[in-house]
Protein backbone atom coordinates (compact mmCIF):
# COMPACT_ATOMS: atom_id res chain seq x y z
CA UNK A 1 330.73 142.14 59.32
CA UNK A 2 333.31 140.15 61.35
CA UNK A 3 332.82 136.66 62.53
CA UNK A 4 332.34 137.94 66.11
CA UNK A 5 329.59 140.29 64.84
CA UNK A 6 327.87 137.52 63.10
CA UNK A 7 327.63 135.57 66.30
CA UNK A 8 326.38 138.55 68.20
CA UNK A 9 323.67 139.13 65.67
CA UNK A 10 322.70 135.53 66.03
CA UNK A 11 322.60 135.76 69.72
CA UNK A 12 320.28 138.86 69.46
CA UNK A 13 318.05 136.90 66.96
CA UNK A 14 317.70 133.97 69.26
CA UNK A 15 316.87 136.13 72.19
CA UNK A 16 314.19 137.91 70.30
CA UNK A 17 312.67 134.68 68.97
CA UNK A 18 312.62 133.24 72.46
CA UNK A 19 310.64 136.06 73.75
CA UNK A 20 308.19 135.72 70.86
CA UNK A 21 307.36 132.07 71.03
CA UNK A 22 305.01 130.41 73.48
CA UNK A 23 306.68 127.01 73.91
CA UNK A 24 308.63 127.17 77.09
CA UNK A 25 310.94 124.34 76.14
CA UNK A 26 311.69 125.75 72.71
CA UNK A 27 312.16 129.27 74.27
CA UNK A 28 314.66 128.01 76.92
CA UNK A 29 316.61 126.22 74.08
CA UNK A 30 316.77 129.46 72.12
CA UNK A 31 318.08 131.40 75.25
CA UNK A 32 320.76 128.62 75.66
CA UNK A 33 321.79 129.10 71.97
CA UNK A 34 321.83 132.84 72.38
CA UNK A 35 324.27 132.43 75.35
CA UNK A 36 326.48 130.03 73.28
CA UNK A 37 326.61 132.50 70.30
CA UNK A 38 327.44 135.36 72.80
CA UNK A 39 330.33 133.26 74.06
CA UNK A 40 331.61 132.46 70.68
CA UNK A 41 331.51 136.16 69.93
CA UNK A 42 333.50 137.05 73.01
CA UNK A 43 336.08 134.39 72.38
CA UNK A 44 336.57 135.58 68.82
CA UNK A 45 337.10 139.19 70.11
CA UNK A 46 339.68 137.88 72.43
CA UNK A 47 341.68 136.20 69.77
CA UNK A 48 341.82 139.22 67.46
């Protein structure tokens, strides 16, 4: 698994958890984290 794959996986996990929890504030934070992980993966893909 590459580093980019790792961040993509973390992004997907954060999205799934955001959908599963009831707290809207926590859900929003997880969605933001998922986007950050997605961007990290994208940047890593561009550098390799």
